[in-house]
Amino acid sequence: MFYISFVCRSKEYIDWVRLEIWGRAKLKGYMGCAKKKKINYQLKYAKKEAIKLFHLMNYRENSIQLTRKYLKIKESLAIVNQVNERSMAK
């Protein structure tokens, strides 16, 4: 399982991100606290929603991207594709 997540100390900002994503793609995600101290808020999207969100965030070549997040997601998707290919070969 892999996730796309956003973490911030501002609950208002995470709420805004969640509403923007809901308005554009109807993805719910999960909102909670990150770490044990619960000083950061986290918005997570799991596998299927994460893939949809990835495509929404990177649908054009000249779109604004969060470069580190984009590279991590591409790496995760490559691993998932390798696993799927191996299981199909069996």
C-alpha atoms as a PDB file:
ATOM      1  CA  MET A   1       0.000   0.000   0.000  1.00  0.00           C
ATOM      2  CA  PHE A   2       1.234   3.481  -0.716  1.00  0.00           C
ATOM      3  CA  TYR A   3      -0.063   6.932   0.079  1.00  0.00           C
ATOM      4  CA  ILE A   4       0.131  10.535  -1.000  1.00  0.00           C
ATOM      5  CA  SER A   5       0.105  12.654   2.105  1.00  0.00           C
ATOM      6  CA  PHE A   6       0.298  16.312   3.042  1.00  0.00           C
ATOM      7  CA  VAL A   7       1.496  17.366   6.490  1.00  0.00           C
ATOM      8  CA  CYS A   8       1.250  20.811   8.034  1.00  0.00           C
ATOM      9  CA  ARG A   9       0.909  22.423  11.471  1.00  0.00           C
ATOM     10  CA  SER A  10      -2.009  24.484  10.228  1.00  0.00           C
ATOM     11  CA  LYS A  11      -5.328  22.619  10.402  1.00  0.00           C
ATOM     12  CA  GLU A  12      -6.895  25.409   8.338  1.00  0.00           C
ATOM     13  CA  TYR A  13      -4.418  24.812   5.510  1.00  0.00           C
ATOM     14  CA  ILE A  14      -4.960  21.042   5.509  1.00  0.00           C
ATOM     15  CA  ASP A  15      -8.743  21.650   5.505  1.00  0.00           C
ATOM     16  CA  TRP A  16      -8.305  23.971   2.525  1.00  0.00           C
ATOM     17  CA  VAL A  17      -6.199  21.396   0.623  1.00  0.00           C
ATOM     18  CA  ARG A  18      -8.797  18.710   1.354  1.00  0.00           C
ATOM     19  CA  LEU A  19     -11.653  20.905   0.091  1.00  0.00           C
ATOM     20  CA  GLU A  20      -9.719  21.829  -3.061  1.00  0.00           C
ATOM     21  CA  ILE A  21      -9.035  18.185  -3.871  1.00  0.00           C
ATOM     22  CA  TRP A  22     -12.642  17.225  -3.108  1.00  0.00           C
ATOM     23  CA  GLY A  23     -13.915  20.032  -5.350  1.00  0.00           C
ATOM     24  CA  ARG A  24     -11.691  19.051  -8.258  1.00  0.00           C
ATOM     25  CA  ALA A  25     -11.647  15.261  -8.058  1.00  0.00           C
ATOM     26  CA  LYS A  26     -14.195  14.110  -5.437  1.00  0.00           C
ATOM     27  CA  LEU A  27     -11.456  12.305  -3.480  1.00  0.00           C
ATOM     28  CA  LYS A  28     -12.109  12.019   0.265  1.00  0.00           C
ATOM     29  CA  GLY A  29      -8.777  11.097   1.790  1.00  0.00           C
ATOM     30  CA  TYR A  30      -8.186  10.639   5.497  1.00  0.00           C
ATOM     31  CA  MET A  31      -7.366  13.448   7.885  1.00  0.00           C
ATOM     32  CA  GLY A  32      -5.598  12.852  11.169  1.00  0.00           C
ATOM     33  CA  CYS A  33      -2.607  13.861  13.238  1.00  0.00           C
ATOM     34  CA  ALA A  34       0.925  12.985  12.262  1.00  0.00           C
ATOM     35  CA  LYS A  35       3.433  11.751  14.848  1.00  0.00           C
ATOM     36  CA  LYS A  36       2.812  11.027  18.495  1.00  0.00           C
ATOM     37  CA  LYS A  37       2.862  14.642  19.694  1.00  0.00           C
ATOM     38  CA  LYS A  38      -0.125  15.470  17.480  1.00  0.00           C
ATOM     39  CA  ILE A  39       1.198  18.895  16.545  1.00  0.00           C
ATOM     40  CA  ASN A  40       0.992  18.284  12.801  1.00  0.00           C
ATOM     41  CA  TYR A  41      -2.103  17.570  10.748  1.00  0.00           C
ATOM     42  CA  GLN A  42      -1.956  15.005   7.987  1.00  0.00           C
ATOM     43  CA  LEU A  43      -4.119  14.445   4.943  1.00  0.00           C
ATOM     44  CA  LYS A  44      -3.634  11.010   3.311  1.00  0.00           C
ATOM     45  CA  TYR A  45      -4.861   9.435   0.114  1.00  0.00           C
ATOM     46  CA  ALA A  46      -4.422   5.665  -0.242  1.00  0.00           C
ATOM     47  CA  LYS A  47      -3.733   3.527  -3.300  1.00  0.00           C
ATOM     48  CA  LYS A  48      -6.577   4.157  -5.806  1.00  0.00           C
ATOM     49  CA  GLU A  49      -7.219   7.710  -4.655  1.00  0.00           C
ATOM     50  CA  ALA A  50      -3.464   8.360  -4.595  1.00  0.00           C
ATOM     51  CA  ILE A  51      -3.135   7.303  -8.228  1.00  0.00           C
ATOM     52  CA  LYS A  52      -6.041   9.543  -9.260  1.00  0.00           C
ATOM     53  CA  LEU A  53      -4.543  12.429  -7.302  1.00  0.00           C
ATOM     54  CA  PHE A  54      -1.138  11.840  -8.878  1.00  0.00           C
ATOM     55  CA  HIS A  55      -2.632  12.132 -12.348  1.00  0.00           C
ATOM     56  CA  LEU A  56      -4.591  15.215 -11.336  1.00  0.00           C
ATOM     57  CA  MET A  57      -1.450  16.873  -9.984  1.00  0.00           C
ATOM     58  CA  ASN A  58       0.695  16.007 -13.014  1.00  0.00           C
ATOM     59  CA  TYR A  59      -1.618  15.891 -15.990  1.00  0.00           C
ATOM     60  CA  ARG A  60       0.280  18.450 -18.082  1.00  0.00           C
ATOM     61  CA  GLU A  61       3.940  18.715 -18.889  1.00  0.00           C
ATOM     62  CA  ASN A  62       4.108  22.374 -17.823  1.00  0.00           C
ATOM     63  CA  SER A  63       1.940  22.055 -14.699  1.00  0.00           C
ATOM     64  CA  ILE A  64       3.213  23.085 -11.294  1.00  0.00           C
ATOM     65  CA  GLN A  65       4.629  20.100  -9.453  1.00  0.00           C
ATOM     66  CA  LEU A  66       5.962  19.279  -6.031  1.00  0.00           C
ATOM     67  CA  THR A  67       9.131  17.747  -7.472  1.00  0.00           C
ATOM     68  CA  ARG A  68      10.175  15.540  -4.542  1.00  0.00           C
ATOM     69  CA  LYS A  69       6.626  14.228  -4.100  1.00  0.00           C
ATOM     70  CA  TYR A  70       6.341  13.619  -7.864  1.00  0.00           C
ATOM     71  CA  LEU A  71       9.586  11.595  -7.957  1.00  0.00           C
ATOM     72  CA  LYS A  72       8.611   9.527  -4.896  1.00  0.00           C
ATOM     73  CA  ILE A  73       5.238   8.707  -6.428  1.00  0.00           C
ATOM     74  CA  LYS A  74       6.772   7.723  -9.769  1.00  0.00           C
ATOM     75  CA  GLU A  75       9.158   5.409  -7.926  1.00  0.00           C
ATOM     76  CA  SER A  76       6.285   3.853  -5.944  1.00  0.00           C
ATOM     77  CA  LEU A  77       4.212   3.302  -9.077  1.00  0.00           C
ATOM     78  CA  ALA A  78       7.170   1.630 -10.804  1.00  0.00           C
ATOM     79  CA  ILE A  79       7.485  -0.797  -7.871  1.00  0.00           C
ATOM     80  CA  VAL A  80       3.751  -1.534  -7.935  1.00  0.00           C
ATOM     81  CA  ASN A  81       3.904  -2.172 -11.692  1.00  0.00           C
ATOM     82  CA  GLN A  82       6.832  -4.578 -11.208  1.00  0.00           C
ATOM     83  CA  VAL A  83       4.923  -6.480  -8.528  1.00  0.00           C
ATOM     84  CA  ASN A  84       1.817  -6.646 -10.727  1.00  0.00           C
ATOM     85  CA  GLU A  85       3.855  -7.899 -13.689  1.00  0.00           C
ATOM     86  CA  ARG A  86       5.464 -10.645 -11.561  1.00  0.00           C
ATOM     87  CA  SER A  87       2.118 -11.813 -10.192  1.00  0.00           C
ATOM     88  CA  MET A  88       0.623 -11.905 -13.703  1.00  0.00           C
ATOM     89  CA  ALA A  89       3.541 -14.045 -14.950  1.00  0.00           C
ATOM     90  CA  LYS A  90       2.845 -16.779 -12.378  1.00  0.00           C
END
